[in-house]
Amino acid sequence: MADIQAYTYDENYIYERPIIVDADNIPPNCTATEPPDGLWRGQYQPDKDEWIETATADDIQQIILTMTRSVSE
C-alpha cells in the first residue's frame, strides 16, 4: 500500500504535526486533510473535514512576541 502524509491532532482536535502513514490505515487521531497555510493554532473539524483557526488576536500577538524574543536572543 502507498504511504501518505497525514496530520495528527490532540484530544481537542488541535494540530500537532505531520506524519507518514499507510494510506489504508490512517490512525484515529489523524486526517489526510492538509491544514491550510497561515493557521496559528489550527483545529480540525471532523464533521466538515476542514481546519479552522482557533487562536484569538491576543494569542497571535503573544506568539509573535515570543518568537521575536527568541530570535533576538
C-alpha atoms as a PDB file:
ATOM      1  CA  MET A   1       0.000   0.000   0.000  1.00  0.00           C
ATOM      2  CA  ALA A   2       1.065   3.587  -0.538  1.00  0.00           C
ATOM      3  CA  ASP A   3       2.275   5.890   2.209  1.00  0.00           C
ATOM      4  CA  ILE A   4       0.770   9.353   2.577  1.00  0.00           C
ATOM      5  CA  GLN A   5       1.335  12.357   4.782  1.00  0.00           C
ATOM      6  CA  ALA A   6      -1.300  12.703   7.490  1.00  0.00           C
ATOM      7  CA  TYR A   7      -1.760  15.322  10.185  1.00  0.00           C
ATOM      8  CA  THR A   8      -2.114  14.457  13.860  1.00  0.00           C
ATOM      9  CA  TYR A   9      -4.282  16.316  16.332  1.00  0.00           C
ATOM     10  CA  ASP A  10      -4.764  16.107  20.098  1.00  0.00           C
ATOM     11  CA  GLU A  11      -7.889  15.307  22.131  1.00  0.00           C
ATOM     12  CA  ASN A  12      -9.207  18.821  21.384  1.00  0.00           C
ATOM     13  CA  TYR A  13      -8.520  18.389  17.648  1.00  0.00           C
ATOM     14  CA  ILE A  14      -5.643  20.906  17.801  1.00  0.00           C
ATOM     15  CA  TYR A  15      -2.937  20.326  15.173  1.00  0.00           C
ATOM     16  CA  GLU A  16       0.219  18.596  16.414  1.00  0.00           C
ATOM     17  CA  ARG A  17       2.416  17.525  13.493  1.00  0.00           C
ATOM     18  CA  PRO A  18       2.585  15.793  10.109  1.00  0.00           C
ATOM     19  CA  ILE A  19       3.405  12.080   9.965  1.00  0.00           C
ATOM     20  CA  ILE A  20       3.756   9.422   7.282  1.00  0.00           C
ATOM     21  CA  VAL A  21       1.154   6.647   7.416  1.00  0.00           C
ATOM     22  CA  ASP A  22      -0.176   3.828   5.280  1.00  0.00           C
ATOM     23  CA  ALA A  23      -2.993   5.276   3.159  1.00  0.00           C
ATOM     24  CA  ASP A  24      -5.224   2.341   4.087  1.00  0.00           C
ATOM     25  CA  ASN A  25      -4.541   2.602   7.822  1.00  0.00           C
ATOM     26  CA  ILE A  26      -4.832   6.228   8.995  1.00  0.00           C
ATOM     27  CA  PRO A  27      -4.801   6.346  12.825  1.00  0.00           C
ATOM     28  CA  PRO A  28      -7.897   7.679  14.626  1.00  0.00           C
ATOM     29  CA  ASN A  29      -6.218  10.926  15.737  1.00  0.00           C
ATOM     30  CA  CYS A  30      -5.149  11.837  12.191  1.00  0.00           C
ATOM     31  CA  THR A  31      -6.526  13.148   8.936  1.00  0.00           C
ATOM     32  CA  ALA A  32      -5.216  13.229   5.388  1.00  0.00           C
ATOM     33  CA  THR A  33      -6.737  16.718   5.006  1.00  0.00           C
ATOM     34  CA  GLU A  34      -3.879  19.195   4.985  1.00  0.00           C
ATOM     35  CA  PRO A  35      -4.235  22.280   7.186  1.00  0.00           C
ATOM     36  CA  PRO A  36      -4.123  25.492   5.151  1.00  0.00           C
ATOM     37  CA  ASP A  37      -1.072  27.720   5.410  1.00  0.00           C
ATOM     38  CA  GLY A  38      -1.289  30.584   7.871  1.00  0.00           C
ATOM     39  CA  LEU A  39      -3.029  28.922  10.813  1.00  0.00           C
ATOM     40  CA  TRP A  40      -1.556  29.849  14.179  1.00  0.00           C
ATOM     41  CA  ARG A  41      -3.487  27.218  16.139  1.00  0.00           C
ATOM     42  CA  GLY A  42      -5.375  25.010  13.741  1.00  0.00           C
ATOM     43  CA  GLN A  43      -8.257  22.868  14.915  1.00  0.00           C
ATOM     44  CA  TYR A  44      -9.590  20.011  12.839  1.00  0.00           C
ATOM     45  CA  GLN A  45     -13.349  19.829  12.328  1.00  0.00           C
ATOM     46  CA  PRO A  46     -14.018  16.138  11.558  1.00  0.00           C
ATOM     47  CA  ASP A  47     -17.692  16.700  10.725  1.00  0.00           C
ATOM     48  CA  LYS A  48     -16.696  19.166   7.977  1.00  0.00           C
ATOM     49  CA  ASP A  49     -13.287  17.626   7.144  1.00  0.00           C
ATOM     50  CA  GLU A  50     -11.587  21.014   7.420  1.00  0.00           C
ATOM     51  CA  TRP A  51      -9.216  23.005   9.627  1.00  0.00           C
ATOM     52  CA  ILE A  52     -10.170  26.293  11.314  1.00  0.00           C
ATOM     53  CA  GLU A  53      -8.226  28.963  13.197  1.00  0.00           C
ATOM     54  CA  THR A  54      -8.763  28.920  16.963  1.00  0.00           C
ATOM     55  CA  ALA A  55      -6.128  31.450  18.053  1.00  0.00           C
ATOM     56  CA  THR A  56      -7.504  34.814  19.147  1.00  0.00           C
ATOM     57  CA  ALA A  57      -5.872  38.088  18.154  1.00  0.00           C
ATOM     58  CA  ASP A  58      -4.314  38.233  21.645  1.00  0.00           C
ATOM     59  CA  ASP A  59      -2.972  34.671  21.262  1.00  0.00           C
ATOM     60  CA  ILE A  60      -1.373  35.577  17.940  1.00  0.00           C
ATOM     61  CA  GLN A  61       0.219  38.731  19.373  1.00  0.00           C
ATOM     62  CA  GLN A  62       1.678  36.666  22.231  1.00  0.00           C
ATOM     63  CA  ILE A  63       3.064  34.065  19.811  1.00  0.00           C
ATOM     64  CA  ILE A  64       4.675  36.796  17.699  1.00  0.00           C
ATOM     65  CA  LEU A  65       6.143  38.436  20.800  1.00  0.00           C
ATOM     66  CA  THR A  66       7.566  35.101  21.971  1.00  0.00           C
ATOM     67  CA  MET A  67       9.048  34.389  18.524  1.00  0.00           C
ATOM     68  CA  THR A  68      10.575  37.878  18.351  1.00  0.00           C
ATOM     69  CA  ARG A  69      12.208  37.437  21.755  1.00  0.00           C
ATOM     70  CA  SER A  70      13.604  34.027  20.753  1.00  0.00           C
ATOM     71  CA  VAL A  71      15.131  35.399  17.557  1.00  0.00           C
ATOM     72  CA  SER A  72      16.703  38.406  19.271  1.00  0.00           C
ATOM     73  CA  GLU A  73      18.381  36.320  21.993  1.00  0.00           C
END
